[in-house]
Amino acid sequence: MNSFPNLMNRLRSQKNYLLQESSNYWRFYKQVVVRPTEIINQKEILIAGLRRTGNHAIIGWIRAQHPDKAWHLNHPPAGQNPYQFLYSHFKKPEFREEAIGNFSKKKPATHQL
């Protein structure tokens, strides 16, 4: 009897994987072939650093200075939509739309950091 829930969980994970992969291909097609005419992310900050060098302290400081909601995507997988990883672990509605590839417009910076 215990194998049925395991089977259902595996089927759900495979379904989610197929949906994510199809949305990745669709997003790639829209970005490369169709060429979008507008910028979705007005401001993106990428911080790269070694372990145990205070990266998270700097990220926390930058987030505290930002007046609006700021998302911290820690170690996103390369070549994939980072929101898919977030949505697979945190089932929040705002992550769902981003994971599908419907990126919401982010506000431009109103002040300099």
C-alpha atoms as a PDB file:
ATOM      1  CA  MET A   1       0.000   0.000   0.000  1.00  0.00           C
ATOM      2  CA  ASN A   2       2.948   2.322   0.612  1.00  0.00           C
ATOM      3  CA  SER A   3       4.065   2.100  -3.021  1.00  0.00           C
ATOM      4  CA  PHE A   4       0.982   3.907  -4.380  1.00  0.00           C
ATOM      5  CA  PRO A   5       1.796   7.284  -2.724  1.00  0.00           C
ATOM      6  CA  ASN A   6       5.422   6.920  -3.859  1.00  0.00           C
ATOM      7  CA  LEU A   7       4.249   6.295  -7.422  1.00  0.00           C
ATOM      8  CA  MET A   8       1.938   9.305  -7.301  1.00  0.00           C
ATOM      9  CA  ASN A   9       4.749  11.532  -5.997  1.00  0.00           C
ATOM     10  CA  ARG A  10       7.054  10.365  -8.779  1.00  0.00           C
ATOM     11  CA  LEU A  11       4.358  11.003 -11.393  1.00  0.00           C
ATOM     12  CA  ARG A  12       3.745  14.505 -10.005  1.00  0.00           C
ATOM     13  CA  SER A  13       7.442  15.309 -10.076  1.00  0.00           C
ATOM     14  CA  GLN A  14       7.747  14.050 -13.672  1.00  0.00           C
ATOM     15  CA  LYS A  15       4.726  16.126 -14.699  1.00  0.00           C
ATOM     16  CA  ASN A  16       6.266  19.224 -13.111  1.00  0.00           C
ATOM     17  CA  TYR A  17       9.584  18.497 -14.804  1.00  0.00           C
ATOM     18  CA  LEU A  18       7.914  18.186 -18.238  1.00  0.00           C
ATOM     19  CA  LEU A  19       5.976  21.422 -17.698  1.00  0.00           C
ATOM     20  CA  GLN A  20       9.130  23.254 -16.664  1.00  0.00           C
ATOM     21  CA  GLU A  21      11.116  21.963 -19.619  1.00  0.00           C
ATOM     22  CA  SER A  22       8.381  22.878 -22.091  1.00  0.00           C
ATOM     23  CA  SER A  23       8.152  26.380 -20.594  1.00  0.00           C
ATOM     24  CA  ASN A  24      11.958  26.678 -20.864  1.00  0.00           C
ATOM     25  CA  TYR A  25      11.834  25.857 -24.572  1.00  0.00           C
ATOM     26  CA  TRP A  26       8.925  28.244 -25.109  1.00  0.00           C
ATOM     27  CA  ARG A  27      10.771  31.027 -23.231  1.00  0.00           C
ATOM     28  CA  PHE A  28      13.910  30.357 -25.301  1.00  0.00           C
ATOM     29  CA  TYR A  29      11.872  30.578 -28.505  1.00  0.00           C
ATOM     30  CA  LYS A  30      10.281  33.871 -27.435  1.00  0.00           C
ATOM     31  CA  GLN A  31      13.609  35.378 -26.395  1.00  0.00           C
ATOM     32  CA  VAL A  32      15.754  34.259 -29.319  1.00  0.00           C
ATOM     33  CA  VAL A  33      13.419  33.965 -32.288  1.00  0.00           C
ATOM     34  CA  VAL A  34      10.753  36.569 -31.550  1.00  0.00           C
ATOM     35  CA  ARG A  35      13.072  39.067 -29.771  1.00  0.00           C
ATOM     36  CA  PRO A  36      11.106  40.858 -27.053  1.00  0.00           C
ATOM     37  CA  THR A  37      10.737  44.607 -27.418  1.00  0.00           C
ATOM     38  CA  GLU A  38      10.573  45.541 -23.749  1.00  0.00           C
ATOM     39  CA  ILE A  39      12.789  45.024 -20.733  1.00  0.00           C
ATOM     40  CA  ILE A  40      11.190  43.055 -17.906  1.00  0.00           C
ATOM     41  CA  ASN A  41      13.867  43.526 -15.247  1.00  0.00           C
ATOM     42  CA  GLN A  42      14.803  47.169 -14.862  1.00  0.00           C
ATOM     43  CA  LYS A  43      17.394  46.417 -12.191  1.00  0.00           C
ATOM     44  CA  GLU A  44      19.211  43.183 -11.436  1.00  0.00           C
ATOM     45  CA  ILE A  45      22.194  42.854  -9.158  1.00  0.00           C
ATOM     46  CA  LEU A  46      24.426  39.802  -9.459  1.00  0.00           C
ATOM     47  CA  ILE A  47      26.802  39.117  -6.604  1.00  0.00           C
ATOM     48  CA  ALA A  48      29.432  36.439  -7.064  1.00  0.00           C
ATOM     49  CA  GLY A  49      31.905  35.535  -4.373  1.00  0.00           C
ATOM     50  CA  LEU A  50      33.714  32.826  -2.531  1.00  0.00           C
ATOM     51  CA  ARG A  51      32.332  30.951   0.447  1.00  0.00           C
ATOM     52  CA  ARG A  52      32.490  32.537   3.887  1.00  0.00           C
ATOM     53  CA  THR A  53      33.450  35.985   2.617  1.00  0.00           C
ATOM     54  CA  GLY A  54      30.353  37.920   3.714  1.00  0.00           C
ATOM     55  CA  ASN A  55      28.257  37.684   0.556  1.00  0.00           C
ATOM     56  CA  HIS A  56      25.010  37.227   2.470  1.00  0.00           C
ATOM     57  CA  ALA A  57      25.793  40.193   4.722  1.00  0.00           C
ATOM     58  CA  ILE A  58      26.210  42.381   1.633  1.00  0.00           C
ATOM     59  CA  ILE A  59      23.014  40.990   0.101  1.00  0.00           C
ATOM     60  CA  GLY A  60      21.135  41.644   3.346  1.00  0.00           C
ATOM     61  CA  TRP A  61      22.435  45.210   3.430  1.00  0.00           C
ATOM     62  CA  ILE A  62      21.380  45.848  -0.178  1.00  0.00           C
ATOM     63  CA  ARG A  63      17.927  44.370   0.462  1.00  0.00           C
ATOM     64  CA  ALA A  64      17.512  46.553   3.546  1.00  0.00           C
ATOM     65  CA  GLN A  65      18.274  49.647   1.437  1.00  0.00           C
ATOM     66  CA  HIS A  66      15.735  48.752  -1.233  1.00  0.00           C
ATOM     67  CA  PRO A  67      12.277  50.275  -0.644  1.00  0.00           C
ATOM     68  CA  ASP A  68      10.337  47.576  -2.525  1.00  0.00           C
ATOM     69  CA  LYS A  69      10.316  43.811  -2.311  1.00  0.00           C
ATOM     70  CA  ALA A  70      13.648  42.317  -3.337  1.00  0.00           C
ATOM     71  CA  TRP A  71      14.168  38.627  -4.036  1.00  0.00           C
ATOM     72  CA  HIS A  72      17.356  36.789  -3.199  1.00  0.00           C
ATOM     73  CA  LEU A  73      17.934  33.805  -5.493  1.00  0.00           C
ATOM     74  CA  ASN A  74      20.737  31.882  -3.850  1.00  0.00           C
ATOM     75  CA  HIS A  75      22.764  29.640  -6.193  1.00  0.00           C
ATOM     76  CA  PRO A  76      20.269  29.338  -9.087  1.00  0.00           C
ATOM     77  CA  PRO A  77      20.933  26.568 -11.609  1.00  0.00           C
ATOM     78  CA  ALA A  78      22.761  27.759 -14.728  1.00  0.00           C
ATOM     79  CA  GLY A  79      20.815  27.916 -17.957  1.00  0.00           C
ATOM     80  CA  GLN A  80      17.429  27.464 -16.298  1.00  0.00           C
ATOM     81  CA  ASN A  81      14.706  29.696 -15.001  1.00  0.00           C
ATOM     82  CA  PRO A  82      15.721  30.208 -11.330  1.00  0.00           C
ATOM     83  CA  TYR A  83      12.099  30.665 -10.286  1.00  0.00           C
ATOM     84  CA  GLN A  84      11.364  27.058 -11.233  1.00  0.00           C
ATOM     85  CA  PHE A  85      13.695  25.911  -8.469  1.00  0.00           C
ATOM     86  CA  LEU A  86      12.065  28.310  -6.008  1.00  0.00           C
ATOM     87  CA  TYR A  87       8.552  27.213  -6.943  1.00  0.00           C
ATOM     88  CA  SER A  88       9.409  23.529  -6.623  1.00  0.00           C
ATOM     89  CA  HIS A  89      10.425  24.150  -2.990  1.00  0.00           C
ATOM     90  CA  PHE A  90       8.162  27.071  -2.018  1.00  0.00           C
ATOM     91  CA  LYS A  91       4.684  26.831  -3.538  1.00  0.00           C
ATOM     92  CA  LYS A  92       3.842  30.543  -3.532  1.00  0.00           C
ATOM     93  CA  PRO A  93       1.568  32.100  -6.179  1.00  0.00           C
ATOM     94  CA  GLU A  94       4.084  34.819  -7.094  1.00  0.00           C
ATOM     95  CA  PHE A  95       6.718  32.150  -7.793  1.00  0.00           C
ATOM     96  CA  ARG A  96       4.288  30.115  -9.928  1.00  0.00           C
ATOM     97  CA  GLU A  97       3.844  32.804 -12.582  1.00  0.00           C
ATOM     98  CA  GLU A  98       7.575  33.481 -12.685  1.00  0.00           C
ATOM     99  CA  ALA A  99       8.326  29.728 -12.897  1.00  0.00           C
ATOM    100  CA  ILE A 100       6.030  29.351 -15.890  1.00  0.00           C
ATOM    101  CA  GLY A 101       7.884  32.149 -17.648  1.00  0.00           C
ATOM    102  CA  ASN A 102       5.326  34.927 -17.189  1.00  0.00           C
ATOM    103  CA  PHE A 103       7.804  37.328 -15.662  1.00  0.00           C
ATOM    104  CA  SER A 104       6.214  40.268 -13.899  1.00  0.00           C
ATOM    105  CA  LYS A 105       7.510  43.724 -14.651  1.00  0.00           C
ATOM    106  CA  LYS A 106       9.866  44.987 -11.986  1.00  0.00           C
ATOM    107  CA  LYS A 107       9.913  48.642 -11.036  1.00  0.00           C
ATOM    108  CA  PRO A 108      12.868  50.727 -12.173  1.00  0.00           C
ATOM    109  CA  ALA A 109      15.213  52.027  -9.518  1.00  0.00           C
ATOM    110  CA  THR A 110      13.935  55.222  -7.916  1.00  0.00           C
ATOM    111  CA  HIS A 111      17.182  56.061  -6.161  1.00  0.00           C
ATOM    112  CA  GLN A 112      20.830  55.112  -6.229  1.00  0.00           C
ATOM    113  CA  LEU A 113      22.259  52.717  -3.643  1.00  0.00           C
END
